[in-house]
Amino acid sequence: EAGDLIMMGIGGFTPLNGFMTKADWQGVCDDMKMADGLFWPIPVTLSTDTATADSIADGSDVALVNGETGEIMGTMTVTEKYTIDKEHECNAVYKTTEMDHPGVVMVMGQEDVNLAGSVKVLSTGGFKEEYGDQFMTPAETRAYFEKKGWTTVSAFQTRNPMHRSHEYLAKISLEIGDGVLVHSLLGKLKPGDIPADVRSNAIGTLIEKLLC
């Protein structure tokens, strides 16, 4: 949920400007469309426990606090409180309710009540401070493409260091297009993952030595 908030703040979820209503949630689960008809494949919701939800009046503004760091990441104007069928969401989005699936674990681990409403985002979660110029918003990315004169861009997304086959794919892309966007996922780690700074430095070295 903190990641969803960051994505709304940097424009990665445009035109979404808040957490979904129940009508949005239902439409996305059933038809991949929000209540206004906008295509959206996965619900973007915010959950809380029943006691907290009961203490919030509709129309009130609340602070959105990162439970791990204590940082106030944004504010939200609460317009609706509702419950969902978590198994229905899992079956609709992931086609399974097996707890071996990380998406199912995430949905089933949510609190009992969802809050809907528009948000104001105050933080990018420290990613800009930690990764510097490697952290770019969609607007910054488009501006970079324009500055470089790129009109045909390939994208490669990875949560691991790039290996030889990835390097080969990137080089082929450069032969037929203007540039390659390496989109490295640097969020929370799972047990056994290579540390984010190691992955980031490895990819940066490959780009500098072999792709530029």
C-alpha atoms as a PDB file:
ATOM      1  CA  GLU A   1       0.000   0.000   0.000  1.00  0.00           C
ATOM      2  CA  ALA A   2       2.929   2.352   0.657  1.00  0.00           C
ATOM      3  CA  GLY A   3       4.234   1.443  -2.787  1.00  0.00           C
ATOM      4  CA  ASP A   4       0.852   2.261  -4.331  1.00  0.00           C
ATOM      5  CA  LEU A   5       0.903   5.655  -2.625  1.00  0.00           C
ATOM      6  CA  ILE A   6       4.374   6.394  -3.993  1.00  0.00           C
ATOM      7  CA  MET A   7       3.263   5.384  -7.486  1.00  0.00           C
ATOM      8  CA  MET A   8       0.325   7.791  -7.308  1.00  0.00           C
ATOM      9  CA  GLY A   9       2.637  10.542  -6.108  1.00  0.00           C
ATOM     10  CA  ILE A  10       5.148  10.212  -8.947  1.00  0.00           C
ATOM     11  CA  GLY A  11       2.503   9.794 -11.649  1.00  0.00           C
ATOM     12  CA  GLY A  12       3.052   6.085 -12.190  1.00  0.00           C
ATOM     13  CA  PHE A  13      -0.661   5.395 -11.682  1.00  0.00           C
ATOM     14  CA  THR A  14      -1.997   8.371 -13.669  1.00  0.00           C
ATOM     15  CA  PRO A  15      -4.902   9.185 -13.822  1.00  0.00           C
ATOM     16  CA  LEU A  16      -5.579   7.460 -10.477  1.00  0.00           C
ATOM     17  CA  ASN A  17      -5.482  10.066  -7.698  1.00  0.00           C
ATOM     18  CA  GLY A  18      -6.552   8.016  -4.704  1.00  0.00           C
ATOM     19  CA  PHE A  19      -7.480   4.620  -3.340  1.00  0.00           C
ATOM     20  CA  MET A  20     -10.398   2.884  -5.034  1.00  0.00           C
ATOM     21  CA  THR A  21     -14.042   2.858  -3.995  1.00  0.00           C
ATOM     22  CA  LYS A  22     -15.985  -0.385  -3.646  1.00  0.00           C
ATOM     23  CA  ALA A  23     -17.556   0.178  -7.068  1.00  0.00           C
ATOM     24  CA  ASP A  24     -14.066   0.608  -8.528  1.00  0.00           C
ATOM     25  CA  TRP A  25     -12.835  -2.510  -6.718  1.00  0.00           C
ATOM     26  CA  GLN A  26     -15.781  -4.571  -7.955  1.00  0.00           C
ATOM     27  CA  GLY A  27     -15.419  -3.369 -11.533  1.00  0.00           C
ATOM     28  CA  VAL A  28     -11.679  -4.019 -11.628  1.00  0.00           C
ATOM     29  CA  CYS A  29     -12.118  -7.525 -10.220  1.00  0.00           C
ATOM     30  CA  ASP A  30     -14.958  -8.444 -12.556  1.00  0.00           C
ATOM     31  CA  ASP A  31     -14.184  -6.562 -15.783  1.00  0.00           C
ATOM     32  CA  MET A  32     -10.777  -4.875 -15.367  1.00  0.00           C
ATOM     33  CA  LYS A  33     -12.592  -1.527 -15.453  1.00  0.00           C
ATOM     34  CA  MET A  34     -13.170   1.113 -12.798  1.00  0.00           C
ATOM     35  CA  ALA A  35     -16.656   2.503 -12.187  1.00  0.00           C
ATOM     36  CA  ASP A  36     -16.078   5.238 -14.796  1.00  0.00           C
ATOM     37  CA  GLY A  37     -15.016   2.684 -17.424  1.00  0.00           C
ATOM     38  CA  LEU A  38     -11.266   3.293 -17.157  1.00  0.00           C
ATOM     39  CA  PHE A  39      -9.236   0.141 -17.807  1.00  0.00           C
ATOM     40  CA  TRP A  40      -7.412  -1.031 -14.688  1.00  0.00           C
ATOM     41  CA  PRO A  41      -6.227  -4.633 -14.185  1.00  0.00           C
ATOM     42  CA  ILE A  42      -5.540  -4.870 -10.427  1.00  0.00           C
ATOM     43  CA  PRO A  43      -7.330  -3.173  -7.496  1.00  0.00           C
ATOM     44  CA  VAL A  44      -5.442  -0.370  -5.737  1.00  0.00           C
ATOM     45  CA  THR A  45      -6.890  -0.275  -2.240  1.00  0.00           C
ATOM     46  CA  LEU A  46      -6.010   0.815   1.283  1.00  0.00           C
ATOM     47  CA  SER A  47      -7.047  -1.293   4.260  1.00  0.00           C
ATOM     48  CA  THR A  48      -7.201  -0.709   7.994  1.00  0.00           C
ATOM     49  CA  ASP A  49      -8.555  -2.487  11.048  1.00  0.00           C
ATOM     50  CA  THR A  50     -12.197  -2.158  12.071  1.00  0.00           C
ATOM     51  CA  ALA A  51     -11.526  -0.044  15.159  1.00  0.00           C
ATOM     52  CA  THR A  52      -9.524   2.510  13.187  1.00  0.00           C
ATOM     53  CA  ALA A  53     -12.129   2.603  10.431  1.00  0.00           C
ATOM     54  CA  ASP A  54     -14.898   3.192  12.976  1.00  0.00           C
ATOM     55  CA  SER A  55     -12.998   6.184  14.353  1.00  0.00           C
ATOM     56  CA  ILE A  56     -12.820   7.905  10.946  1.00  0.00           C
ATOM     57  CA  ALA A  57     -15.779   9.981   9.770  1.00  0.00           C
ATOM     58  CA  ASP A  58     -16.600  10.174   6.072  1.00  0.00           C
ATOM     59  CA  GLY A  59     -15.118  13.336   4.597  1.00  0.00           C
ATOM     60  CA  SER A  60     -12.352  13.625   7.176  1.00  0.00           C
ATOM     61  CA  ASP A  61      -8.662  13.953   6.375  1.00  0.00           C
ATOM     62  CA  VAL A  62      -6.258  11.382   7.777  1.00  0.00           C
ATOM     63  CA  ALA A  63      -2.480  11.037   7.768  1.00  0.00           C
ATOM     64  CA  LEU A  64      -1.016   8.045   5.942  1.00  0.00           C
ATOM     65  CA  VAL A  65       1.870   6.772   8.047  1.00  0.00           C
ATOM     66  CA  ASN A  66       4.426   4.160   7.037  1.00  0.00           C
ATOM     67  CA  GLY A  67       4.015   1.437   9.644  1.00  0.00           C
ATOM     68  CA  GLU A  68       7.666   0.423   9.382  1.00  0.00           C
ATOM     69  CA  THR A  69       9.371   3.829   9.498  1.00  0.00           C
ATOM     70  CA  GLY A  70       6.766   6.065  11.143  1.00  0.00           C
ATOM     71  CA  GLU A  71       7.073   8.569   8.291  1.00  0.00           C
ATOM     72  CA  ILE A  72       3.966  10.512   7.268  1.00  0.00           C
ATOM     73  CA  MET A  73       3.866   9.693   3.558  1.00  0.00           C
ATOM     74  CA  GLY A  74       0.706  11.562   2.660  1.00  0.00           C
ATOM     75  CA  THR A  75      -2.821  12.541   3.576  1.00  0.00           C
ATOM     76  CA  MET A  76      -6.153  11.177   2.450  1.00  0.00           C
ATOM     77  CA  THR A  77      -9.698  12.520   2.355  1.00  0.00           C
ATOM     78  CA  VAL A  78     -11.817   9.499   3.267  1.00  0.00           C
ATOM     79  CA  THR A  79     -14.997   9.282   1.202  1.00  0.00           C
ATOM     80  CA  GLU A  80     -16.011   5.663   1.767  1.00  0.00           C
ATOM     81  CA  LYS A  81     -15.417   2.682   4.049  1.00  0.00           C
ATOM     82  CA  TYR A  82     -16.210  -0.825   2.833  1.00  0.00           C
ATOM     83  CA  THR A  83     -15.395  -4.506   3.110  1.00  0.00           C
ATOM     84  CA  ILE A  84     -14.446  -6.864   0.289  1.00  0.00           C
ATOM     85  CA  ASP A  85     -14.454 -10.555  -0.563  1.00  0.00           C
ATOM     86  CA  LYS A  86     -10.722 -11.229  -0.513  1.00  0.00           C
ATOM     87  CA  GLU A  87     -11.036 -14.673  -2.081  1.00  0.00           C
ATOM     88  CA  HIS A  88     -13.016 -13.168  -4.963  1.00  0.00           C
ATOM     89  CA  GLU A  89     -10.214 -10.664  -5.604  1.00  0.00           C
ATOM     90  CA  CYS A  90      -7.584 -13.413  -5.523  1.00  0.00           C
ATOM     91  CA  ASN A  91      -9.530 -15.595  -7.945  1.00  0.00           C
ATOM     92  CA  ALA A  92     -10.273 -12.657 -10.246  1.00  0.00           C
ATOM     93  CA  VAL A  93      -6.751 -11.228 -10.337  1.00  0.00           C
ATOM     94  CA  TYR A  94      -4.443 -14.184  -9.688  1.00  0.00           C
ATOM     95  CA  LYS A  95      -6.735 -17.090 -10.675  1.00  0.00           C
ATOM     96  CA  THR A  96      -5.912 -18.868  -7.421  1.00  0.00           C
ATOM     97  CA  THR A  97      -6.377 -18.678  -3.669  1.00  0.00           C
ATOM     98  CA  GLU A  98      -3.308 -20.790  -2.920  1.00  0.00           C
ATOM     99  CA  MET A  99      -1.156 -19.167  -0.253  1.00  0.00           C
ATOM    100  CA  ASP A 100       1.985 -20.105  -2.198  1.00  0.00           C
ATOM    101  CA  HIS A 101       1.219 -17.138  -4.471  1.00  0.00           C
ATOM    102  CA  PRO A 102       2.739 -13.872  -3.141  1.00  0.00           C
ATOM    103  CA  GLY A 103      -0.177 -11.826  -4.470  1.00  0.00           C
ATOM    104  CA  VAL A 104      -2.648 -14.003  -2.598  1.00  0.00           C
ATOM    105  CA  VAL A 105      -0.590 -13.650   0.576  1.00  0.00           C
ATOM    106  CA  MET A 106      -0.679  -9.869   0.180  1.00  0.00           C
ATOM    107  CA  VAL A 107      -4.443  -9.670  -0.381  1.00  0.00           C
ATOM    108  CA  MET A 108      -5.365 -12.144   2.347  1.00  0.00           C
ATOM    109  CA  GLY A 109      -3.085 -10.293   4.767  1.00  0.00           C
ATOM    110  CA  GLN A 110      -4.921  -6.993   4.348  1.00  0.00           C
ATOM    111  CA  GLU A 111      -7.002  -5.582   7.194  1.00  0.00           C
ATOM    112  CA  ASP A 112     -10.796  -5.954   7.307  1.00  0.00           C
ATOM    113  CA  VAL A 113     -11.962  -2.521   6.093  1.00  0.00           C
ATOM    114  CA  ASN A 114     -10.946  -0.588   2.979  1.00  0.00           C
ATOM    115  CA  LEU A 115     -10.806   3.205   2.864  1.00  0.00           C
ATOM    116  CA  ALA A 116     -11.465   5.102  -0.363  1.00  0.00           C
ATOM    117  CA  GLY A 117     -10.588   8.676  -1.222  1.00  0.00           C
ATOM    118  CA  SER A 118      -8.189  11.070  -2.885  1.00  0.00           C
ATOM    119  CA  VAL A 119      -4.641  11.434  -1.583  1.00  0.00           C
ATOM    120  CA  LYS A 120      -1.905  14.034  -1.343  1.00  0.00           C
ATOM    121  CA  VAL A 121       1.509  12.382  -1.463  1.00  0.00           C
ATOM    122  CA  LEU A 122       4.328  13.896   0.594  1.00  0.00           C
ATOM    123  CA  SER A 123       7.114  11.331   0.231  1.00  0.00           C
ATOM    124  CA  THR A 124       8.754   8.985  -2.258  1.00  0.00           C
ATOM    125  CA  GLY A 125       9.786   6.638   0.521  1.00  0.00           C
ATOM    126  CA  GLY A 126      13.477   7.542   0.447  1.00  0.00           C
ATOM    127  CA  PHE A 127      14.131   6.043  -2.988  1.00  0.00           C
ATOM    128  CA  LYS A 128      15.353   9.337  -4.480  1.00  0.00           C
ATOM    129  CA  GLU A 129      17.743   9.875  -1.592  1.00  0.00           C
ATOM    130  CA  GLU A 130      19.068   6.320  -1.780  1.00  0.00           C
ATOM    131  CA  TYR A 131      19.359   5.881  -5.550  1.00  0.00           C
ATOM    132  CA  GLY A 132      19.830   9.436  -6.819  1.00  0.00           C
ATOM    133  CA  ASP A 133      19.517   9.865 -10.572  1.00  0.00           C
ATOM    134  CA  GLN A 134      18.577   6.214 -11.015  1.00  0.00           C
ATOM    135  CA  PHE A 135      15.201   7.028  -9.480  1.00  0.00           C
ATOM    136  CA  MET A 136      13.161   8.760 -12.174  1.00  0.00           C
ATOM    137  CA  THR A 137       9.478   9.606 -12.351  1.00  0.00           C
ATOM    138  CA  PRO A 138       7.544   8.889 -15.553  1.00  0.00           C
ATOM    139  CA  ALA A 139       7.708  12.596 -16.447  1.00  0.00           C
ATOM    140  CA  GLU A 140      11.472  12.653 -15.879  1.00  0.00           C
ATOM    141  CA  THR A 141      11.863   9.510 -17.971  1.00  0.00           C
ATOM    142  CA  ARG A 142       9.926  10.994 -20.887  1.00  0.00           C
ATOM    143  CA  ALA A 143      11.971  14.200 -20.638  1.00  0.00           C
ATOM    144  CA  TYR A 144      15.181  12.141 -20.746  1.00  0.00           C
ATOM    145  CA  PHE A 145      14.010  10.327 -23.887  1.00  0.00           C
ATOM    146  CA  GLU A 146      13.229  13.665 -25.525  1.00  0.00           C
ATOM    147  CA  LYS A 147      16.596  15.105 -24.516  1.00  0.00           C
ATOM    148  CA  LYS A 148      18.368  12.103 -26.044  1.00  0.00           C
ATOM    149  CA  GLY A 149      16.249  12.331 -29.188  1.00  0.00           C
ATOM    150  CA  TRP A 150      14.891   8.820 -28.699  1.00  0.00           C
ATOM    151  CA  THR A 151      11.643   7.978 -30.470  1.00  0.00           C
ATOM    152  CA  THR A 152      11.921   4.167 -30.358  1.00  0.00           C
ATOM    153  CA  VAL A 153      12.688   2.794 -26.904  1.00  0.00           C
ATOM    154  CA  SER A 154      12.813  -0.794 -25.653  1.00  0.00           C
ATOM    155  CA  ALA A 155      12.244  -1.552 -21.976  1.00  0.00           C
ATOM    156  CA  PHE A 156      13.735  -4.315 -19.858  1.00  0.00           C
ATOM    157  CA  GLN A 157      12.404  -4.880 -16.337  1.00  0.00           C
ATOM    158  CA  THR A 158      14.333  -6.949 -13.824  1.00  0.00           C
ATOM    159  CA  ARG A 159      14.590  -7.591 -10.106  1.00  0.00           C
ATOM    160  CA  ASN A 160      18.028  -9.210 -10.479  1.00  0.00           C
ATOM    161  CA  PRO A 161      21.429  -8.223 -11.882  1.00  0.00           C
ATOM    162  CA  MET A 162      21.531  -8.432 -15.679  1.00  0.00           C
ATOM    163  CA  HIS A 163      23.296 -11.543 -16.980  1.00  0.00           C
ATOM    164  CA  ARG A 164      24.683 -12.363 -20.416  1.00  0.00           C
ATOM    165  CA  SER A 165      21.364 -13.150 -22.098  1.00  0.00           C
ATOM    166  CA  HIS A 166      19.936  -9.868 -20.790  1.00  0.00           C
ATOM    167  CA  GLU A 167      22.980  -8.039 -22.118  1.00  0.00           C
ATOM    168  CA  TYR A 168      22.464  -9.685 -25.502  1.00  0.00           C
ATOM    169  CA  LEU A 169      18.800  -8.661 -25.620  1.00  0.00           C
ATOM    170  CA  ALA A 170      19.736  -5.081 -24.757  1.00  0.00           C
ATOM    171  CA  LYS A 171      22.369  -4.970 -27.498  1.00  0.00           C
ATOM    172  CA  ILE A 172      19.904  -6.290 -30.079  1.00  0.00           C
ATOM    173  CA  SER A 173      17.418  -3.629 -28.997  1.00  0.00           C
ATOM    174  CA  LEU A 174      20.049  -0.937 -29.530  1.00  0.00           C
ATOM    175  CA  GLU A 175      20.617  -2.233 -33.064  1.00  0.00           C
ATOM    176  CA  ILE A 176      16.980  -1.695 -34.043  1.00  0.00           C
ATOM    177  CA  GLY A 177      15.948   1.196 -31.788  1.00  0.00           C
ATOM    178  CA  ASP A 178      17.218   4.417 -30.265  1.00  0.00           C
ATOM    179  CA  GLY A 179      17.636   3.353 -26.643  1.00  0.00           C
ATOM    180  CA  VAL A 180      16.915   0.867 -23.871  1.00  0.00           C
ATOM    181  CA  LEU A 181      15.233   1.632 -20.556  1.00  0.00           C
ATOM    182  CA  VAL A 182      16.473  -0.735 -17.845  1.00  0.00           C
ATOM    183  CA  HIS A 183      13.686  -0.718 -15.263  1.00  0.00           C
ATOM    184  CA  SER A 184      15.159  -2.213 -12.107  1.00  0.00           C
ATOM    185  CA  LEU A 185      12.828  -3.129  -9.238  1.00  0.00           C
ATOM    186  CA  LEU A 186      14.438  -1.976  -6.002  1.00  0.00           C
ATOM    187  CA  GLY A 187      11.694  -2.294  -3.394  1.00  0.00           C
ATOM    188  CA  LYS A 188      11.306  -4.797  -0.579  1.00  0.00           C
ATOM    189  CA  LEU A 189      13.499  -7.876  -0.696  1.00  0.00           C
ATOM    190  CA  LYS A 190      12.563 -11.496  -0.188  1.00  0.00           C
ATOM    191  CA  PRO A 191      14.789 -13.994   1.648  1.00  0.00           C
ATOM    192  CA  GLY A 192      17.729 -14.904  -0.575  1.00  0.00           C
ATOM    193  CA  ASP A 193      17.467 -11.824  -2.805  1.00  0.00           C
ATOM    194  CA  ILE A 194      20.636 -10.070  -3.891  1.00  0.00           C
ATOM    195  CA  PRO A 195      20.840  -6.706  -2.046  1.00  0.00           C
ATOM    196  CA  ALA A 196      19.376  -3.798  -4.008  1.00  0.00           C
ATOM    197  CA  ASP A 197      22.589  -1.751  -3.998  1.00  0.00           C
ATOM    198  CA  VAL A 198      24.547  -4.694  -5.433  1.00  0.00           C
ATOM    199  CA  ARG A 199      21.999  -5.166  -8.220  1.00  0.00           C
ATOM    200  CA  SER A 200      21.918  -1.451  -8.943  1.00  0.00           C
ATOM    201  CA  ASN A 201      25.710  -1.126  -9.092  1.00  0.00           C
ATOM    202  CA  ALA A 202      26.040  -4.242 -11.264  1.00  0.00           C
ATOM    203  CA  ILE A 203      23.515  -2.952 -13.784  1.00  0.00           C
ATOM    204  CA  GLY A 204      25.122   0.493 -13.778  1.00  0.00           C
ATOM    205  CA  THR A 205      28.537  -1.009 -14.499  1.00  0.00           C
ATOM    206  CA  LEU A 206      27.164  -3.120 -17.352  1.00  0.00           C
ATOM    207  CA  ILE A 207      25.502  -0.089 -18.923  1.00  0.00           C
ATOM    208  CA  GLU A 208      28.643   2.032 -18.579  1.00  0.00           C
ATOM    209  CA  LYS A 209      31.087  -0.576 -19.884  1.00  0.00           C
ATOM    210  CA  LEU A 210      29.096  -2.474 -22.490  1.00  0.00           C
ATOM    211  CA  LEU A 211      25.994  -0.588 -23.601  1.00  0.00           C
ATOM    212  CA  CYS A 212      27.075   3.057 -23.843  1.00  0.00           C
END
